N, C-alpha and C. Protein backbone atom coordinates (compact mmCIF):
# COMPACT_ATOMS: atom_id res chain seq x y z
N MET A 1 158.37 109.61 -68.41
CA MET A 1 159.51 108.83 -68.79
C MET A 1 160.12 109.44 -70.05
N ALA A 2 161.42 109.67 -70.05
CA ALA A 2 162.11 110.28 -71.18
C ALA A 2 161.95 109.43 -72.43
N GLY A 3 161.78 110.09 -73.56
CA GLY A 3 161.65 109.41 -74.84
C GLY A 3 160.29 108.82 -75.12
N GLU A 4 159.32 109.08 -74.26
CA GLU A 4 157.97 108.53 -74.42
C GLU A 4 157.36 108.90 -75.78
N HIS A 5 157.65 110.11 -76.25
CA HIS A 5 157.09 110.55 -77.53
C HIS A 5 157.56 109.69 -78.70
N LEU A 6 158.71 109.05 -78.58
CA LEU A 6 159.25 108.23 -79.66
C LEU A 6 158.44 106.96 -79.90
N LYS A 7 157.63 106.56 -78.93
CA LYS A 7 156.82 105.35 -79.03
C LYS A 7 155.46 105.58 -79.67
N ILE A 8 155.07 106.84 -79.85
CA ILE A 8 153.74 107.17 -80.35
C ILE A 8 153.54 106.61 -81.76
N GLN A 9 152.44 105.92 -81.96
CA GLN A 9 152.03 105.43 -83.27
C GLN A 9 150.52 105.58 -83.37
N ALA A 10 150.06 106.40 -84.30
CA ALA A 10 148.64 106.64 -84.46
C ALA A 10 147.99 105.49 -85.25
N ARG A 11 146.72 105.26 -84.98
CA ARG A 11 145.91 104.29 -85.72
C ARG A 11 145.09 105.04 -86.76
N ARG A 12 144.98 104.46 -87.94
CA ARG A 12 144.18 105.05 -89.01
C ARG A 12 143.14 104.04 -89.48
N VAL A 13 141.88 104.46 -89.49
CA VAL A 13 140.78 103.64 -89.98
C VAL A 13 140.21 104.37 -91.20
N VAL A 14 140.08 103.65 -92.31
CA VAL A 14 139.63 104.26 -93.57
C VAL A 14 138.38 103.54 -94.06
N THR A 15 137.39 104.32 -94.48
CA THR A 15 136.17 103.74 -95.06
C THR A 15 136.29 103.69 -96.57
N GLY A 16 135.41 102.90 -97.17
CA GLY A 16 135.36 102.80 -98.62
C GLY A 16 134.11 102.06 -99.02
N VAL A 17 134.05 101.67 -100.28
CA VAL A 17 132.90 100.97 -100.83
C VAL A 17 133.37 99.63 -101.37
N ASP A 18 132.64 98.57 -101.05
CA ASP A 18 133.02 97.23 -101.53
C ASP A 18 132.50 96.96 -102.93
N ALA A 19 132.74 95.77 -103.44
CA ALA A 19 132.34 95.39 -104.80
C ALA A 19 130.83 95.44 -105.00
N ASN A 20 130.07 95.37 -103.91
CA ASN A 20 128.61 95.44 -103.98
C ASN A 20 128.08 96.85 -103.80
N GLY A 21 128.98 97.84 -103.71
CA GLY A 21 128.57 99.22 -103.54
C GLY A 21 128.17 99.58 -102.12
N LYS A 22 128.54 98.73 -101.17
CA LYS A 22 128.19 98.97 -99.76
C LYS A 22 129.38 99.59 -99.03
N SER A 23 129.06 100.54 -98.15
CA SER A 23 130.13 101.17 -97.38
C SER A 23 130.67 100.22 -96.32
N GLY A 24 131.94 100.39 -96.03
CA GLY A 24 132.57 99.55 -95.02
C GLY A 24 133.95 100.09 -94.67
N PHE A 25 134.68 99.31 -93.90
CA PHE A 25 136.03 99.70 -93.49
C PHE A 25 137.01 98.94 -94.36
N VAL A 26 137.87 99.70 -95.04
CA VAL A 26 138.81 99.09 -95.96
C VAL A 26 140.23 99.03 -95.40
N GLU A 27 140.45 99.75 -94.31
CA GLU A 27 141.78 99.77 -93.71
C GLU A 27 141.66 100.08 -92.22
N ASP A 28 142.46 99.42 -91.43
CA ASP A 28 142.50 99.66 -89.99
C ASP A 28 143.87 99.22 -89.48
N GLY A 29 144.69 100.19 -89.13
CA GLY A 29 146.02 99.85 -88.65
C GLY A 29 146.84 101.09 -88.38
N PRO A 30 148.12 100.90 -88.10
CA PRO A 30 148.99 102.05 -87.84
C PRO A 30 149.15 102.92 -89.09
N THR A 31 149.37 104.20 -88.88
CA THR A 31 149.60 105.09 -90.02
C THR A 31 150.79 104.57 -90.82
N PRO A 32 150.69 104.56 -92.14
CA PRO A 32 151.78 104.04 -92.94
C PRO A 32 152.98 104.99 -93.04
N VAL A 33 152.78 106.25 -92.64
CA VAL A 33 153.83 107.25 -92.75
C VAL A 33 154.07 107.85 -91.37
N ARG A 34 155.29 107.69 -90.86
CA ARG A 34 155.63 108.13 -89.50
C ARG A 34 157.11 108.45 -89.44
N VAL A 35 157.48 109.46 -88.65
CA VAL A 35 158.89 109.76 -88.39
C VAL A 35 159.02 110.13 -86.91
N ALA A 36 160.03 109.58 -86.25
CA ALA A 36 160.32 109.89 -84.84
C ALA A 36 161.69 110.56 -84.78
N THR A 37 161.74 111.77 -84.21
CA THR A 37 162.98 112.54 -84.09
C THR A 37 163.13 112.97 -82.64
N PRO A 38 164.29 113.53 -82.29
CA PRO A 38 164.44 114.03 -80.92
C PRO A 38 163.41 115.09 -80.56
N GLY A 39 163.00 115.91 -81.55
CA GLY A 39 162.10 117.02 -81.28
C GLY A 39 160.62 116.73 -81.37
N PHE A 40 160.24 115.66 -82.06
CA PHE A 40 158.83 115.34 -82.21
C PHE A 40 158.68 114.02 -82.94
N THR A 41 157.49 113.43 -82.79
CA THR A 41 157.11 112.27 -83.59
C THR A 41 155.88 112.67 -84.38
N VAL A 42 155.91 112.41 -85.70
CA VAL A 42 154.82 112.78 -86.60
C VAL A 42 154.23 111.54 -87.23
N CYS A 43 152.91 111.44 -87.19
CA CYS A 43 152.17 110.37 -87.87
C CYS A 43 151.22 111.04 -88.85
N ASP A 44 151.47 110.88 -90.14
CA ASP A 44 150.57 111.45 -91.14
C ASP A 44 149.38 110.53 -91.33
N ILE A 45 148.19 111.10 -91.22
CA ILE A 45 146.95 110.34 -91.33
C ILE A 45 146.50 110.25 -92.79
N TRP A 46 146.53 111.37 -93.51
CA TRP A 46 146.03 111.38 -94.88
C TRP A 46 146.59 112.60 -95.60
N THR A 47 146.87 112.45 -96.88
CA THR A 47 147.31 113.56 -97.71
C THR A 47 146.44 113.65 -98.95
N VAL A 48 146.03 114.85 -99.27
CA VAL A 48 145.29 115.13 -100.50
C VAL A 48 146.17 116.03 -101.34
N LYS A 49 146.38 115.65 -102.60
CA LYS A 49 147.30 116.39 -103.46
C LYS A 49 146.69 117.63 -104.09
N GLU A 50 145.36 117.63 -104.29
CA GLU A 50 144.71 118.81 -104.84
C GLU A 50 143.23 118.80 -104.48
N LEU A 51 142.66 120.00 -104.47
CA LEU A 51 141.24 120.17 -104.16
C LEU A 51 140.53 120.77 -105.35
N PRO A 52 139.29 120.44 -105.63
CA PRO A 52 138.58 119.37 -104.94
C PRO A 52 139.17 118.02 -105.35
N THR A 53 138.91 117.01 -104.52
CA THR A 53 139.41 115.67 -104.79
C THR A 53 138.25 114.68 -104.77
N PRO A 54 138.27 113.69 -105.64
CA PRO A 54 137.21 112.68 -105.59
C PRO A 54 137.25 111.93 -104.26
N VAL A 55 136.08 111.60 -103.73
CA VAL A 55 136.04 110.89 -102.45
C VAL A 55 136.68 109.51 -102.55
N THR A 56 136.82 109.00 -103.75
CA THR A 56 137.42 107.67 -103.93
C THR A 56 138.94 107.72 -104.09
N ASN A 57 139.53 108.92 -104.08
CA ASN A 57 140.99 109.02 -104.21
C ASN A 57 141.69 108.27 -103.08
N GLU A 58 142.79 107.66 -103.42
CA GLU A 58 143.62 106.99 -102.43
C GLU A 58 144.42 108.03 -101.66
N ASP A 59 145.00 107.61 -100.55
CA ASP A 59 145.87 108.47 -99.75
C ASP A 59 147.03 108.95 -100.62
N GLY A 60 147.36 110.22 -100.53
CA GLY A 60 148.42 110.79 -101.33
C GLY A 60 149.78 110.83 -100.66
N THR A 61 149.93 110.20 -99.49
CA THR A 61 151.24 110.22 -98.85
C THR A 61 152.24 109.48 -99.72
N SER A 62 153.48 109.92 -99.66
CA SER A 62 154.51 109.40 -100.55
C SER A 62 155.36 108.30 -99.92
N GLY A 63 155.14 107.99 -98.67
CA GLY A 63 156.00 107.04 -97.98
C GLY A 63 156.95 107.74 -97.03
N ASP A 64 157.10 109.05 -97.19
CA ASP A 64 157.94 109.86 -96.31
C ASP A 64 157.08 110.93 -95.66
N VAL A 65 157.42 111.30 -94.44
CA VAL A 65 156.77 112.45 -93.81
C VAL A 65 157.45 113.69 -94.37
N LEU A 66 156.67 114.57 -94.95
CA LEU A 66 157.19 115.81 -95.53
C LEU A 66 156.64 116.99 -94.75
N LEU A 67 157.49 117.96 -94.46
CA LEU A 67 157.06 119.13 -93.70
C LEU A 67 155.92 119.85 -94.39
N ASP A 68 156.06 120.10 -95.69
CA ASP A 68 155.04 120.85 -96.42
C ASP A 68 154.10 119.93 -97.17
N PRO A 69 152.82 120.26 -97.19
CA PRO A 69 151.85 119.50 -97.98
C PRO A 69 151.98 119.87 -99.46
N PRO A 70 151.30 119.14 -100.34
CA PRO A 70 151.27 119.55 -101.74
C PRO A 70 150.70 120.97 -101.84
N ARG A 71 151.18 121.75 -102.78
CA ARG A 71 150.79 123.17 -102.91
C ARG A 71 149.27 123.36 -102.95
N GLY A 72 148.54 122.52 -103.66
CA GLY A 72 147.09 122.70 -103.76
C GLY A 72 146.31 121.72 -102.90
N GLY A 73 146.98 121.08 -101.93
CA GLY A 73 146.32 120.07 -101.13
C GLY A 73 146.55 120.27 -99.65
N PHE A 74 146.48 119.16 -98.89
CA PHE A 74 146.69 119.25 -97.45
C PHE A 74 147.20 117.93 -96.90
N ILE A 75 147.74 118.03 -95.69
CA ILE A 75 148.14 116.87 -94.88
C ILE A 75 147.39 116.99 -93.56
N TYR A 76 146.87 115.88 -93.09
CA TYR A 76 146.30 115.83 -91.74
C TYR A 76 147.23 114.96 -90.93
N ARG A 77 147.75 115.50 -89.81
CA ARG A 77 148.76 114.78 -89.06
C ARG A 77 148.60 114.95 -87.56
N ILE A 78 149.19 113.99 -86.86
CA ILE A 78 149.28 114.01 -85.40
C ILE A 78 150.75 114.14 -85.05
N THR A 79 151.08 115.09 -84.19
CA THR A 79 152.46 115.30 -83.78
C THR A 79 152.53 115.30 -82.26
N THR A 80 153.52 114.60 -81.72
CA THR A 80 153.75 114.57 -80.27
C THR A 80 155.12 115.15 -79.97
N PHE A 81 155.15 116.13 -79.07
CA PHE A 81 156.38 116.81 -78.67
C PHE A 81 156.79 116.35 -77.28
N PRO A 82 158.07 116.01 -77.08
CA PRO A 82 158.53 115.68 -75.74
C PRO A 82 158.66 116.97 -74.93
N PRO A 83 158.75 116.86 -73.61
CA PRO A 83 159.07 118.05 -72.81
C PRO A 83 160.42 118.62 -73.27
N ASP A 84 160.55 119.94 -73.23
CA ASP A 84 161.81 120.58 -73.62
C ASP A 84 162.99 120.05 -72.82
N SER A 85 162.74 119.63 -71.58
CA SER A 85 163.83 119.15 -70.72
C SER A 85 164.45 117.85 -71.22
N GLU A 86 163.80 117.18 -72.18
CA GLU A 86 164.30 115.90 -72.68
C GLU A 86 165.17 116.01 -73.93
N TRP A 87 165.27 117.20 -74.50
CA TRP A 87 166.07 117.31 -75.72
C TRP A 87 166.63 118.71 -75.86
N ASP A 88 167.61 118.88 -76.74
CA ASP A 88 168.30 120.15 -76.94
C ASP A 88 167.84 120.76 -78.26
N ALA A 89 166.90 121.68 -78.19
CA ALA A 89 166.33 122.27 -79.40
C ALA A 89 167.41 122.96 -80.23
N ALA A 90 168.34 123.65 -79.58
CA ALA A 90 169.38 124.36 -80.33
C ALA A 90 170.23 123.40 -81.15
N ALA A 91 170.49 122.23 -80.61
CA ALA A 91 171.36 121.26 -81.30
C ALA A 91 170.58 120.32 -82.22
N GLU A 92 169.28 120.09 -81.93
CA GLU A 92 168.58 119.02 -82.64
C GLU A 92 167.36 119.43 -83.46
N TYR A 93 166.92 120.70 -83.41
CA TYR A 93 165.74 121.08 -84.17
C TYR A 93 165.98 120.97 -85.67
N GLN A 94 167.14 121.42 -86.10
CA GLN A 94 167.47 121.36 -87.53
C GLN A 94 167.39 119.93 -88.05
N SER A 95 167.99 118.97 -87.34
CA SER A 95 167.97 117.58 -87.81
C SER A 95 166.55 117.01 -87.75
N SER A 96 165.75 117.47 -86.80
CA SER A 96 164.36 117.02 -86.73
C SER A 96 163.58 117.50 -87.96
N LEU A 97 163.78 118.75 -88.37
CA LEU A 97 163.13 119.26 -89.58
C LEU A 97 163.66 118.55 -90.83
N GLU A 98 164.97 118.28 -90.84
CA GLU A 98 165.55 117.58 -92.00
C GLU A 98 164.96 116.19 -92.17
N ALA A 99 164.56 115.54 -91.09
CA ALA A 99 163.94 114.22 -91.18
C ALA A 99 162.61 114.28 -91.91
N MET A 100 162.07 115.50 -92.08
CA MET A 100 160.82 115.71 -92.81
C MET A 100 161.07 116.48 -94.10
N SER A 101 162.30 116.47 -94.59
CA SER A 101 162.69 117.21 -95.79
C SER A 101 162.36 118.69 -95.65
N GLY A 102 162.49 119.22 -94.43
CA GLY A 102 162.15 120.62 -94.19
C GLY A 102 163.28 121.42 -93.57
N GLY A 103 164.51 120.95 -93.74
CA GLY A 103 165.65 121.64 -93.14
C GLY A 103 165.79 123.08 -93.58
N ASP A 104 165.38 123.39 -94.82
CA ASP A 104 165.51 124.75 -95.31
C ASP A 104 164.47 125.70 -94.71
N ALA A 105 163.51 125.18 -93.96
CA ALA A 105 162.49 126.02 -93.34
C ALA A 105 163.01 126.70 -92.08
N GLN A 106 164.06 126.12 -91.46
CA GLN A 106 164.57 126.69 -90.21
C GLN A 106 165.35 127.97 -90.48
N LEU A 107 165.16 128.93 -89.60
CA LEU A 107 165.86 130.20 -89.68
C LEU A 107 167.07 130.15 -88.76
N ASP A 108 167.99 131.08 -88.95
CA ASP A 108 169.21 131.14 -88.16
C ASP A 108 168.88 131.47 -86.70
N ASP A 109 169.27 130.58 -85.78
CA ASP A 109 168.99 130.78 -84.35
C ASP A 109 169.58 132.09 -83.82
N GLU A 110 170.77 132.46 -84.32
CA GLU A 110 171.40 133.70 -83.85
C GLU A 110 170.61 134.92 -84.32
N GLU A 111 170.04 134.83 -85.51
CA GLU A 111 169.26 135.93 -86.05
C GLU A 111 167.94 136.11 -85.31
N THR A 112 167.25 134.99 -85.02
CA THR A 112 165.95 135.08 -84.38
C THR A 112 166.04 135.13 -82.86
N GLY A 113 167.13 134.62 -82.32
CA GLY A 113 167.30 134.58 -80.87
C GLY A 113 166.55 133.42 -80.21
N VAL A 114 165.89 132.58 -81.01
CA VAL A 114 165.13 131.46 -80.48
C VAL A 114 165.43 130.22 -81.33
N ALA A 115 165.86 129.16 -80.68
CA ALA A 115 166.16 127.92 -81.41
C ALA A 115 164.90 127.33 -82.04
N GLY A 116 165.04 126.86 -83.27
CA GLY A 116 163.95 126.16 -83.92
C GLY A 116 162.94 127.02 -84.66
N MET A 117 163.14 128.33 -84.69
CA MET A 117 162.20 129.16 -85.45
C MET A 117 162.25 128.74 -86.91
N HIS A 118 161.06 128.57 -87.50
CA HIS A 118 160.98 128.15 -88.88
C HIS A 118 159.74 128.75 -89.53
N GLN A 119 159.68 128.64 -90.87
CA GLN A 119 158.57 129.22 -91.61
C GLN A 119 158.26 128.31 -92.80
N THR A 120 156.97 128.07 -93.03
CA THR A 120 156.53 127.25 -94.14
C THR A 120 155.49 127.99 -94.95
N ASP A 121 155.32 127.59 -96.19
CA ASP A 121 154.28 128.16 -97.04
C ASP A 121 153.01 127.36 -96.86
N THR A 122 152.44 127.46 -95.65
CA THR A 122 151.24 126.71 -95.30
C THR A 122 150.33 127.54 -94.40
N ILE A 123 149.08 127.14 -94.38
CA ILE A 123 148.16 127.58 -93.34
C ILE A 123 147.85 126.31 -92.56
N ASP A 124 148.12 126.35 -91.26
CA ASP A 124 147.95 125.18 -90.40
C ASP A 124 146.86 125.48 -89.37
N ILE A 125 145.94 124.56 -89.21
CA ILE A 125 144.95 124.66 -88.14
C ILE A 125 145.31 123.56 -87.16
N VAL A 126 145.74 123.99 -85.98
CA VAL A 126 146.31 123.10 -84.97
C VAL A 126 145.38 123.05 -83.77
N THR A 127 145.14 121.85 -83.23
CA THR A 127 144.36 121.70 -82.00
C THR A 127 145.13 120.81 -81.04
N ILE A 128 145.25 121.27 -79.80
CA ILE A 128 145.94 120.50 -78.77
C ILE A 128 145.00 119.42 -78.24
N ILE A 129 145.52 118.19 -78.21
CA ILE A 129 144.74 117.04 -77.73
C ILE A 129 145.09 116.72 -76.28
N SER A 130 146.39 116.72 -75.97
CA SER A 130 146.82 116.43 -74.59
C SER A 130 148.11 117.18 -74.31
N GLY A 131 148.35 117.46 -73.04
CA GLY A 131 149.53 118.23 -72.65
C GLY A 131 149.33 119.71 -72.96
N GLU A 132 150.41 120.44 -72.90
CA GLU A 132 150.38 121.87 -73.18
C GLU A 132 151.56 122.22 -74.08
N LEU A 133 151.36 123.24 -74.93
CA LEU A 133 152.38 123.63 -75.88
C LEU A 133 152.35 125.15 -76.05
N TYR A 134 153.52 125.76 -76.02
CA TYR A 134 153.62 127.18 -76.30
C TYR A 134 153.86 127.37 -77.79
N ALA A 135 153.04 128.20 -78.42
CA ALA A 135 153.29 128.66 -79.78
C ALA A 135 154.12 129.93 -79.63
N VAL A 136 155.29 129.95 -80.24
CA VAL A 136 156.22 131.06 -80.10
C VAL A 136 156.39 131.74 -81.46
N THR A 137 156.19 133.06 -81.50
CA THR A 137 156.41 133.84 -82.71
C THR A 137 157.53 134.83 -82.45
N GLU A 138 157.83 135.68 -83.41
CA GLU A 138 158.91 136.65 -83.25
C GLU A 138 158.61 137.71 -82.20
N THR A 139 157.32 137.95 -81.91
CA THR A 139 156.97 139.02 -80.98
C THR A 139 156.28 138.56 -79.71
N GLY A 140 156.13 137.26 -79.54
CA GLY A 140 155.47 136.79 -78.33
C GLY A 140 155.20 135.30 -78.35
N GLU A 141 154.46 134.87 -77.35
CA GLU A 141 154.11 133.46 -77.25
C GLU A 141 152.77 133.33 -76.53
N THR A 142 152.12 132.19 -76.75
CA THR A 142 150.87 131.93 -76.06
C THR A 142 150.81 130.45 -75.72
N LEU A 143 150.25 130.15 -74.56
CA LEU A 143 150.11 128.78 -74.09
C LEU A 143 148.83 128.18 -74.65
N LEU A 144 148.96 127.00 -75.28
CA LEU A 144 147.82 126.26 -75.81
C LEU A 144 147.59 125.04 -74.96
N LYS A 145 146.34 124.83 -74.54
CA LYS A 145 145.96 123.70 -73.69
C LYS A 145 144.98 122.81 -74.46
N PRO A 146 144.68 121.61 -73.93
CA PRO A 146 143.77 120.71 -74.63
C PRO A 146 142.46 121.41 -75.02
N GLY A 147 142.10 121.23 -76.30
CA GLY A 147 140.90 121.86 -76.84
C GLY A 147 141.16 123.20 -77.49
N ASP A 148 142.30 123.83 -77.20
CA ASP A 148 142.64 125.11 -77.83
C ASP A 148 143.10 124.86 -79.27
N SER A 149 142.75 125.80 -80.16
CA SER A 149 143.17 125.72 -81.56
C SER A 149 143.91 126.99 -81.95
N LEU A 150 144.83 126.84 -82.86
CA LEU A 150 145.64 127.94 -83.38
C LEU A 150 145.60 127.87 -84.90
N VAL A 151 145.41 129.01 -85.55
CA VAL A 151 145.54 129.09 -87.00
C VAL A 151 146.89 129.75 -87.26
N GLN A 152 147.81 128.98 -87.80
CA GLN A 152 149.19 129.41 -88.06
C GLN A 152 149.26 129.73 -89.55
N ARG A 153 149.41 131.02 -89.89
CA ARG A 153 149.29 131.47 -91.28
C ARG A 153 150.65 131.79 -91.90
N GLY A 154 151.51 130.80 -91.99
CA GLY A 154 152.78 130.97 -92.68
C GLY A 154 153.75 131.91 -92.00
N THR A 155 153.56 132.18 -90.70
CA THR A 155 154.46 133.10 -90.00
C THR A 155 155.64 132.34 -89.39
N VAL A 156 156.68 133.08 -89.06
CA VAL A 156 157.84 132.53 -88.37
C VAL A 156 157.38 132.07 -86.99
N HIS A 157 157.71 130.83 -86.63
CA HIS A 157 157.24 130.29 -85.35
C HIS A 157 158.08 129.09 -84.92
N THR A 158 157.88 128.68 -83.69
CA THR A 158 158.38 127.41 -83.19
C THR A 158 157.45 126.96 -82.07
N TRP A 159 157.75 125.78 -81.54
CA TRP A 159 156.93 125.19 -80.48
C TRP A 159 157.79 124.90 -79.27
N ARG A 160 157.23 125.07 -78.08
CA ARG A 160 157.94 124.75 -76.84
C ARG A 160 156.99 123.99 -75.91
N ASN A 161 157.48 122.87 -75.41
CA ASN A 161 156.74 122.10 -74.41
C ASN A 161 157.48 122.26 -73.09
N ARG A 162 157.06 123.20 -72.29
CA ARG A 162 157.72 123.49 -71.01
C ARG A 162 157.17 122.65 -69.87
N GLY A 163 156.22 121.77 -70.18
CA GLY A 163 155.64 120.89 -69.18
C GLY A 163 156.54 119.69 -68.92
N ASP A 164 155.99 118.73 -68.18
CA ASP A 164 156.78 117.53 -67.86
C ASP A 164 156.21 116.26 -68.49
N ILE A 165 155.21 116.43 -69.39
CA ILE A 165 154.66 115.28 -70.12
C ILE A 165 154.63 115.63 -71.61
N PRO A 166 154.60 114.63 -72.49
CA PRO A 166 154.50 114.92 -73.92
C PRO A 166 153.21 115.68 -74.23
N CYS A 167 153.25 116.45 -75.31
CA CYS A 167 152.08 117.17 -75.81
C CYS A 167 151.74 116.63 -77.19
N THR A 168 150.47 116.31 -77.40
CA THR A 168 150.02 115.83 -78.70
C THR A 168 149.07 116.85 -79.32
N LYS A 169 149.32 117.16 -80.58
CA LYS A 169 148.46 118.07 -81.33
C LYS A 169 148.07 117.41 -82.64
N VAL A 170 146.91 117.80 -83.16
CA VAL A 170 146.51 117.41 -84.50
C VAL A 170 146.51 118.67 -85.35
N ALA A 171 146.80 118.50 -86.63
CA ALA A 171 146.83 119.67 -87.51
C ALA A 171 146.45 119.27 -88.92
N VAL A 172 145.73 120.15 -89.55
CA VAL A 172 145.58 120.07 -91.00
C VAL A 172 146.47 121.19 -91.53
N GLN A 173 147.40 120.80 -92.40
CA GLN A 173 148.36 121.75 -92.97
C GLN A 173 148.06 121.86 -94.46
N MET A 174 147.70 123.07 -94.89
CA MET A 174 147.30 123.31 -96.27
C MET A 174 148.39 124.08 -97.00
N GLY A 175 148.72 123.64 -98.20
CA GLY A 175 149.68 124.37 -99.03
C GLY A 175 149.14 125.76 -99.32
N ALA A 176 150.01 126.77 -99.26
CA ALA A 176 149.59 128.16 -99.45
C ALA A 176 150.65 128.91 -100.27
N THR A 177 150.28 130.08 -100.73
CA THR A 177 151.21 130.93 -101.47
C THR A 177 151.40 132.23 -100.72
N ARG A 178 152.46 132.92 -101.03
CA ARG A 178 152.76 134.23 -100.43
C ARG A 178 152.47 135.33 -101.42
């Protein structure tokens, strides 16, 4: 069904310590930070602003989904992509990135020859949970299936879902330098 990815909402369960020093569950509910765009829906699970971090630190998300994590930290997120047939990447990828304050990451489609090519100062470890997704670089592409992982090291890339169902991936995105 078209637009199915727009309904995705991840659940987040967080542990902690109570007043008696006993471990327990301190939070259980939808992720507090989420953005739904034509090109993808992102649910941020947790953000760490710097490493090492105390285990008692609160979530570092700012209330907005941001494309890049803090320079010395990371974001753990779930992203669902609709099938390519449901949206126009050439017309809508830029606005999808802008919804995450990442519009400046997109490269010129005419220059790259591929809509949605972008680059971030991150190292991302991505694992496909359901569906299939093509990782596209300047010199090729590879199909990722459930259980497959990709280490994306700040290179120019985009994503394509050529299937007929949404694709969900999880990723830890770490701030990096060039």
